[in-house]
Amino acid sequence: QVQLVESGGGLVQAGESLRLSCTGSGINNRAMAWYRQAPGKQREFVARISITGVTSYQNSLRGRFTVARDYAKNTVDLQIYSLKPEDTGVYYCNTYPQDTNNWGQGTQVTVSS
């Protein structure tokens, strides 16, 4: 089990950008991923990054989302560009594959039109 903490969410207007951050013990040595859950919907995969920095994205989000590691800070960050109201939701990080024991509180992203 890894204790993960997400941060960086907030209330923004459509078209703006946000950078979310995930930190936790040992994540530099784990494949990690970001997920999100919109109101009334199931949690979905957003992006993942391997230990060496190889990335993969949900096809529909490719181009607006960038996942990256900061090995010095022990974080996995998710940069979101050109935010849309449909990006509203709680964003979580977890290991990849996900472990149900690792879910944290997430960080809320709200995009106003």
N, C-alpha and C. Protein backbone atom coordinates (compact mmCIF):
# COMPACT_ATOMS: atom_id res chain seq x y z
N GLN A 1 0.85 -1.20 0.00
CA GLN A 1 0.00 0.00 0.00
C GLN A 1 0.88 1.24 0.00
N VAL A 2 0.48 2.22 -0.82
CA VAL A 2 1.21 3.48 -0.91
C VAL A 2 0.26 4.61 -0.55
N GLN A 3 0.68 5.47 0.34
CA GLN A 3 -0.14 6.63 0.69
C GLN A 3 0.14 7.75 -0.30
N LEU A 4 -0.86 8.10 -1.06
CA LEU A 4 -0.70 9.09 -2.13
C LEU A 4 -1.48 10.36 -1.80
N VAL A 5 -0.91 11.48 -2.16
CA VAL A 5 -1.55 12.77 -1.92
C VAL A 5 -1.57 13.55 -3.22
N GLU A 6 -2.76 13.95 -3.64
CA GLU A 6 -2.92 14.74 -4.85
C GLU A 6 -3.15 16.20 -4.46
N SER A 7 -2.70 17.10 -5.32
CA SER A 7 -2.90 18.52 -5.07
C SER A 7 -2.92 19.27 -6.39
N GLY A 8 -3.31 20.53 -6.32
CA GLY A 8 -3.24 21.38 -7.50
C GLY A 8 -4.57 21.68 -8.16
N GLY A 9 -5.63 21.05 -7.70
CA GLY A 9 -6.93 21.30 -8.31
C GLY A 9 -7.46 22.68 -7.95
N GLY A 10 -8.59 23.00 -8.54
CA GLY A 10 -9.20 24.29 -8.25
C GLY A 10 -10.34 24.59 -9.19
N LEU A 11 -10.84 25.81 -9.07
CA LEU A 11 -11.91 26.30 -9.94
C LEU A 11 -11.28 27.18 -11.01
N VAL A 12 -11.47 26.80 -12.25
CA VAL A 12 -10.88 27.56 -13.36
C VAL A 12 -11.93 27.77 -14.44
N GLN A 13 -11.62 28.67 -15.35
CA GLN A 13 -12.51 28.91 -16.48
C GLN A 13 -12.08 28.05 -17.67
N ALA A 14 -13.03 27.76 -18.51
CA ALA A 14 -12.72 26.99 -19.71
C ALA A 14 -11.60 27.68 -20.49
N GLY A 15 -10.69 26.86 -20.97
CA GLY A 15 -9.55 27.37 -21.73
C GLY A 15 -8.29 27.56 -20.91
N GLU A 16 -8.43 27.59 -19.61
CA GLU A 16 -7.25 27.76 -18.75
C GLU A 16 -6.55 26.42 -18.56
N SER A 17 -5.43 26.48 -17.83
CA SER A 17 -4.62 25.28 -17.59
C SER A 17 -4.48 25.05 -16.10
N LEU A 18 -4.18 23.81 -15.76
CA LEU A 18 -3.89 23.44 -14.38
C LEU A 18 -2.77 22.42 -14.36
N ARG A 19 -2.02 22.41 -13.28
CA ARG A 19 -0.99 21.40 -13.08
C ARG A 19 -1.30 20.70 -11.77
N LEU A 20 -1.60 19.43 -11.87
CA LEU A 20 -1.87 18.61 -10.69
C LEU A 20 -0.61 17.87 -10.30
N SER A 21 -0.49 17.59 -9.03
CA SER A 21 0.70 16.91 -8.54
C SER A 21 0.32 15.76 -7.63
N CYS A 22 1.08 14.70 -7.72
CA CYS A 22 0.87 13.52 -6.89
C CYS A 22 2.19 13.17 -6.22
N THR A 23 2.15 12.99 -4.94
CA THR A 23 3.35 12.58 -4.24
C THR A 23 3.04 11.43 -3.30
N GLY A 24 4.06 10.66 -2.99
CA GLY A 24 3.89 9.52 -2.10
C GLY A 24 5.19 8.76 -1.98
N SER A 25 5.26 7.93 -1.00
CA SER A 25 6.48 7.20 -0.73
C SER A 25 6.81 6.25 -1.87
N GLY A 26 8.01 6.36 -2.38
CA GLY A 26 8.50 5.40 -3.36
C GLY A 26 7.94 5.50 -4.75
N ILE A 27 7.24 6.58 -5.09
CA ILE A 27 6.60 6.58 -6.41
C ILE A 27 7.62 6.73 -7.54
N ASN A 28 8.83 7.18 -7.23
CA ASN A 28 9.86 7.20 -8.28
C ASN A 28 10.16 5.80 -8.79
N ASN A 29 9.86 4.81 -7.99
CA ASN A 29 10.16 3.42 -8.33
C ASN A 29 8.92 2.62 -8.71
N ARG A 30 7.85 3.35 -9.03
CA ARG A 30 6.59 2.68 -9.39
C ARG A 30 6.03 3.26 -10.67
N ALA A 31 5.42 2.41 -11.48
CA ALA A 31 4.61 2.93 -12.58
C ALA A 31 3.38 3.57 -11.97
N MET A 32 3.06 4.76 -12.46
CA MET A 32 1.97 5.54 -11.86
C MET A 32 0.97 5.96 -12.93
N ALA A 33 -0.21 6.31 -12.47
CA ALA A 33 -1.24 6.75 -13.40
C ALA A 33 -2.15 7.78 -12.74
N TRP A 34 -2.78 8.55 -13.59
CA TRP A 34 -3.83 9.47 -13.15
C TRP A 34 -5.17 8.95 -13.64
N TYR A 35 -6.17 9.14 -12.79
CA TYR A 35 -7.54 8.76 -13.10
C TYR A 35 -8.43 9.95 -12.73
N ARG A 36 -9.65 9.94 -13.22
CA ARG A 36 -10.57 11.00 -12.82
C ARG A 36 -11.98 10.44 -12.73
N GLN A 37 -12.78 11.12 -11.93
CA GLN A 37 -14.17 10.73 -11.78
C GLN A 37 -15.05 11.95 -11.88
N ALA A 38 -15.82 12.01 -12.95
CA ALA A 38 -16.76 13.10 -13.14
C ALA A 38 -18.00 12.84 -12.31
N PRO A 39 -18.75 13.88 -11.98
CA PRO A 39 -19.98 13.70 -11.20
C PRO A 39 -20.93 12.71 -11.86
N GLY A 40 -21.34 11.72 -11.11
CA GLY A 40 -22.30 10.75 -11.61
C GLY A 40 -21.73 9.71 -12.56
N LYS A 41 -20.42 9.69 -12.72
CA LYS A 41 -19.80 8.74 -13.64
C LYS A 41 -18.78 7.88 -12.92
N GLN A 42 -18.38 6.81 -13.60
CA GLN A 42 -17.35 5.95 -13.03
C GLN A 42 -15.98 6.58 -13.20
N ARG A 43 -15.09 6.19 -12.35
CA ARG A 43 -13.71 6.65 -12.46
C ARG A 43 -13.10 6.09 -13.75
N GLU A 44 -12.31 6.93 -14.43
CA GLU A 44 -11.73 6.52 -15.69
C GLU A 44 -10.23 6.82 -15.72
N PHE A 45 -9.55 6.06 -16.53
CA PHE A 45 -8.12 6.24 -16.73
C PHE A 45 -7.85 7.51 -17.53
N VAL A 46 -6.83 8.25 -17.14
CA VAL A 46 -6.45 9.47 -17.85
C VAL A 46 -5.10 9.28 -18.54
N ALA A 47 -4.08 8.93 -17.76
CA ALA A 47 -2.73 8.82 -18.30
C ALA A 47 -1.87 8.00 -17.36
N ARG A 48 -0.81 7.45 -17.90
CA ARG A 48 0.12 6.71 -17.06
C ARG A 48 1.55 6.99 -17.48
N ILE A 49 2.47 6.69 -16.56
CA ILE A 49 3.88 6.91 -16.83
C ILE A 49 4.67 5.79 -16.18
N SER A 50 5.61 5.26 -16.93
CA SER A 50 6.43 4.17 -16.42
C SER A 50 7.51 4.72 -15.50
N ILE A 51 8.24 3.83 -14.90
CA ILE A 51 9.35 4.24 -14.03
C ILE A 51 10.38 5.05 -14.81
N THR A 52 10.54 4.72 -16.08
CA THR A 52 11.55 5.41 -16.91
C THR A 52 10.99 6.61 -17.66
N GLY A 53 9.69 6.89 -17.48
CA GLY A 53 9.12 8.09 -18.09
C GLY A 53 8.36 7.87 -19.38
N VAL A 54 8.13 6.63 -19.75
CA VAL A 54 7.32 6.36 -20.94
C VAL A 54 5.85 6.61 -20.59
N THR A 55 5.17 7.35 -21.47
CA THR A 55 3.80 7.77 -21.15
C THR A 55 2.77 7.16 -22.09
N SER A 56 1.55 7.12 -21.60
CA SER A 56 0.42 6.64 -22.39
C SER A 56 -0.82 7.37 -21.91
N TYR A 57 -1.73 7.66 -22.86
CA TYR A 57 -2.90 8.47 -22.54
C TYR A 57 -4.19 7.83 -23.04
N GLN A 58 -5.27 8.20 -22.38
CA GLN A 58 -6.58 7.86 -22.93
C GLN A 58 -6.67 8.58 -24.28
N ASN A 59 -7.10 7.86 -25.28
CA ASN A 59 -7.05 8.41 -26.64
C ASN A 59 -7.77 9.75 -26.76
N SER A 60 -8.91 9.87 -26.13
CA SER A 60 -9.70 11.09 -26.31
C SER A 60 -9.08 12.30 -25.61
N LEU A 61 -8.11 12.06 -24.75
CA LEU A 61 -7.50 13.16 -24.00
C LEU A 61 -6.10 13.51 -24.51
N ARG A 62 -5.63 12.72 -25.42
CA ARG A 62 -4.27 12.95 -25.94
C ARG A 62 -4.17 14.34 -26.55
N GLY A 63 -3.11 15.05 -26.20
CA GLY A 63 -2.90 16.39 -26.74
C GLY A 63 -3.17 17.49 -25.74
N ARG A 64 -4.12 17.30 -24.85
CA ARG A 64 -4.39 18.31 -23.83
C ARG A 64 -3.83 17.95 -22.47
N PHE A 65 -3.46 16.70 -22.29
CA PHE A 65 -2.95 16.21 -21.01
C PHE A 65 -1.50 15.76 -21.17
N THR A 66 -0.68 16.13 -20.22
CA THR A 66 0.71 15.70 -20.22
C THR A 66 1.09 15.21 -18.83
N VAL A 67 1.55 13.98 -18.76
CA VAL A 67 1.99 13.42 -17.47
C VAL A 67 3.51 13.37 -17.48
N ALA A 68 4.10 13.72 -16.36
CA ALA A 68 5.56 13.76 -16.27
C ALA A 68 5.99 13.50 -14.84
N ARG A 69 7.22 13.07 -14.71
CA ARG A 69 7.79 12.86 -13.39
C ARG A 69 8.76 13.98 -13.04
N ASP A 70 8.79 14.29 -11.74
CA ASP A 70 9.85 15.12 -11.21
C ASP A 70 10.56 14.25 -10.18
N TYR A 71 11.65 13.63 -10.62
CA TYR A 71 12.31 12.66 -9.74
C TYR A 71 12.89 13.35 -8.51
N ALA A 72 13.33 14.58 -8.64
CA ALA A 72 13.90 15.29 -7.50
C ALA A 72 12.85 15.56 -6.43
N LYS A 73 11.65 15.87 -6.88
CA LYS A 73 10.58 16.18 -5.93
C LYS A 73 9.75 14.96 -5.56
N ASN A 74 10.02 13.83 -6.22
CA ASN A 74 9.26 12.61 -5.96
C ASN A 74 7.78 12.83 -6.25
N THR A 75 7.50 13.41 -7.40
CA THR A 75 6.12 13.65 -7.79
C THR A 75 5.85 13.13 -9.19
N VAL A 76 4.58 12.88 -9.45
CA VAL A 76 4.08 12.62 -10.80
C VAL A 76 3.04 13.70 -11.07
N ASP A 77 3.29 14.49 -12.08
CA ASP A 77 2.45 15.65 -12.34
C ASP A 77 1.59 15.44 -13.58
N LEU A 78 0.43 16.08 -13.56
CA LEU A 78 -0.46 16.04 -14.72
C LEU A 78 -0.77 17.48 -15.12
N GLN A 79 -0.30 17.86 -16.28
CA GLN A 79 -0.57 19.18 -16.81
C GLN A 79 -1.77 19.07 -17.73
N ILE A 80 -2.76 19.92 -17.49
CA ILE A 80 -3.97 19.91 -18.31
C ILE A 80 -4.10 21.27 -18.99
N TYR A 81 -4.19 21.24 -20.29
CA TYR A 81 -4.31 22.47 -21.08
C TYR A 81 -5.74 22.59 -21.63
N SER A 82 -6.10 23.83 -21.94
CA SER A 82 -7.39 24.09 -22.60
C SER A 82 -8.53 23.35 -21.92
N LEU A 83 -8.65 23.58 -20.63
CA LEU A 83 -9.65 22.86 -19.85
C LEU A 83 -11.06 23.12 -20.38
N LYS A 84 -11.87 22.06 -20.31
CA LYS A 84 -13.26 22.11 -20.75
C LYS A 84 -14.17 21.79 -19.57
N PRO A 85 -15.41 22.24 -19.60
CA PRO A 85 -16.32 21.90 -18.50
C PRO A 85 -16.43 20.40 -18.26
N GLU A 86 -16.31 19.61 -19.31
CA GLU A 86 -16.40 18.15 -19.14
C GLU A 86 -15.17 17.56 -18.47
N ASP A 87 -14.15 18.35 -18.22
CA ASP A 87 -12.99 17.89 -17.45
C ASP A 87 -13.25 17.99 -15.95
N THR A 88 -14.36 18.55 -15.58
CA THR A 88 -14.71 18.68 -14.17
C THR A 88 -14.79 17.31 -13.50
N GLY A 89 -14.20 17.21 -12.32
CA GLY A 89 -14.24 15.96 -11.59
C GLY A 89 -13.16 15.92 -10.53
N VAL A 90 -13.08 14.79 -9.87
CA VAL A 90 -12.02 14.56 -8.90
C VAL A 90 -10.92 13.76 -9.58
N TYR A 91 -9.70 14.24 -9.48
CA TYR A 91 -8.55 13.60 -10.12
C TYR A 91 -7.74 12.87 -9.05
N TYR A 92 -7.43 11.63 -9.37
CA TYR A 92 -6.70 10.77 -8.45
C TYR A 92 -5.43 10.24 -9.13
N CYS A 93 -4.43 9.96 -8.32
CA CYS A 93 -3.31 9.19 -8.82
C CYS A 93 -3.32 7.83 -8.12
N ASN A 94 -2.67 6.89 -8.75
CA ASN A 94 -2.56 5.54 -8.19
C ASN A 94 -1.40 4.88 -8.90
N THR A 95 -1.01 3.76 -8.42
CA THR A 95 -0.03 2.97 -9.14
C THR A 95 -0.68 2.42 -10.40
N TYR A 96 0.16 1.89 -11.31
CA TYR A 96 -0.36 1.26 -12.51
C TYR A 96 0.29 -0.11 -12.63
N PRO A 97 -0.52 -1.15 -12.64
CA PRO A 97 -1.97 -1.20 -12.50
C PRO A 97 -2.42 -0.63 -11.14
N GLN A 98 -3.64 -0.19 -11.10
CA GLN A 98 -4.14 0.44 -9.88
C GLN A 98 -4.29 -0.59 -8.76
N ASP A 99 -4.12 -0.09 -7.56
CA ASP A 99 -4.30 -0.88 -6.35
C ASP A 99 -5.39 -0.19 -5.54
N THR A 100 -6.44 -0.93 -5.23
CA THR A 100 -7.56 -0.32 -4.53
C THR A 100 -7.19 0.23 -3.16
N ASN A 101 -6.08 -0.27 -2.63
CA ASN A 101 -5.66 0.22 -1.31
C ASN A 101 -4.97 1.58 -1.38
N ASN A 102 -4.67 2.04 -2.58
CA ASN A 102 -3.89 3.26 -2.73
C ASN A 102 -4.70 4.52 -2.98
N TRP A 103 -6.02 4.38 -3.16
CA TRP A 103 -6.79 5.58 -3.49
C TRP A 103 -6.72 6.59 -2.37
N GLY A 104 -6.41 7.83 -2.74
CA GLY A 104 -6.38 8.92 -1.80
C GLY A 104 -7.64 9.75 -1.90
N GLN A 105 -7.55 10.98 -1.43
CA GLN A 105 -8.71 11.88 -1.45
C GLN A 105 -8.94 12.51 -2.82
N GLY A 106 -7.91 12.53 -3.62
CA GLY A 106 -8.02 13.17 -4.92
C GLY A 106 -7.97 14.68 -4.79
N THR A 107 -8.00 15.33 -5.94
CA THR A 107 -8.04 16.79 -5.97
C THR A 107 -9.14 17.21 -6.94
N GLN A 108 -9.96 18.14 -6.49
CA GLN A 108 -11.14 18.54 -7.27
C GLN A 108 -10.75 19.56 -8.34
N VAL A 109 -11.20 19.29 -9.54
CA VAL A 109 -11.04 20.24 -10.64
C VAL A 109 -12.45 20.63 -11.11
N THR A 110 -12.70 21.91 -11.12
CA THR A 110 -14.00 22.41 -11.57
C THR A 110 -13.76 23.44 -12.66
N VAL A 111 -14.36 23.20 -13.81
CA VAL A 111 -14.16 24.08 -14.96
C VAL A 111 -15.48 24.76 -15.29
N SER A 112 -15.48 26.07 -15.21
CA SER A 112 -16.68 26.82 -15.52
C SER A 112 -16.65 27.26 -16.98
N SER A 113 -17.83 27.33 -17.57
CA SER A 113 -17.92 27.70 -19.00
C SER A 113 -18.05 29.20 -19.17
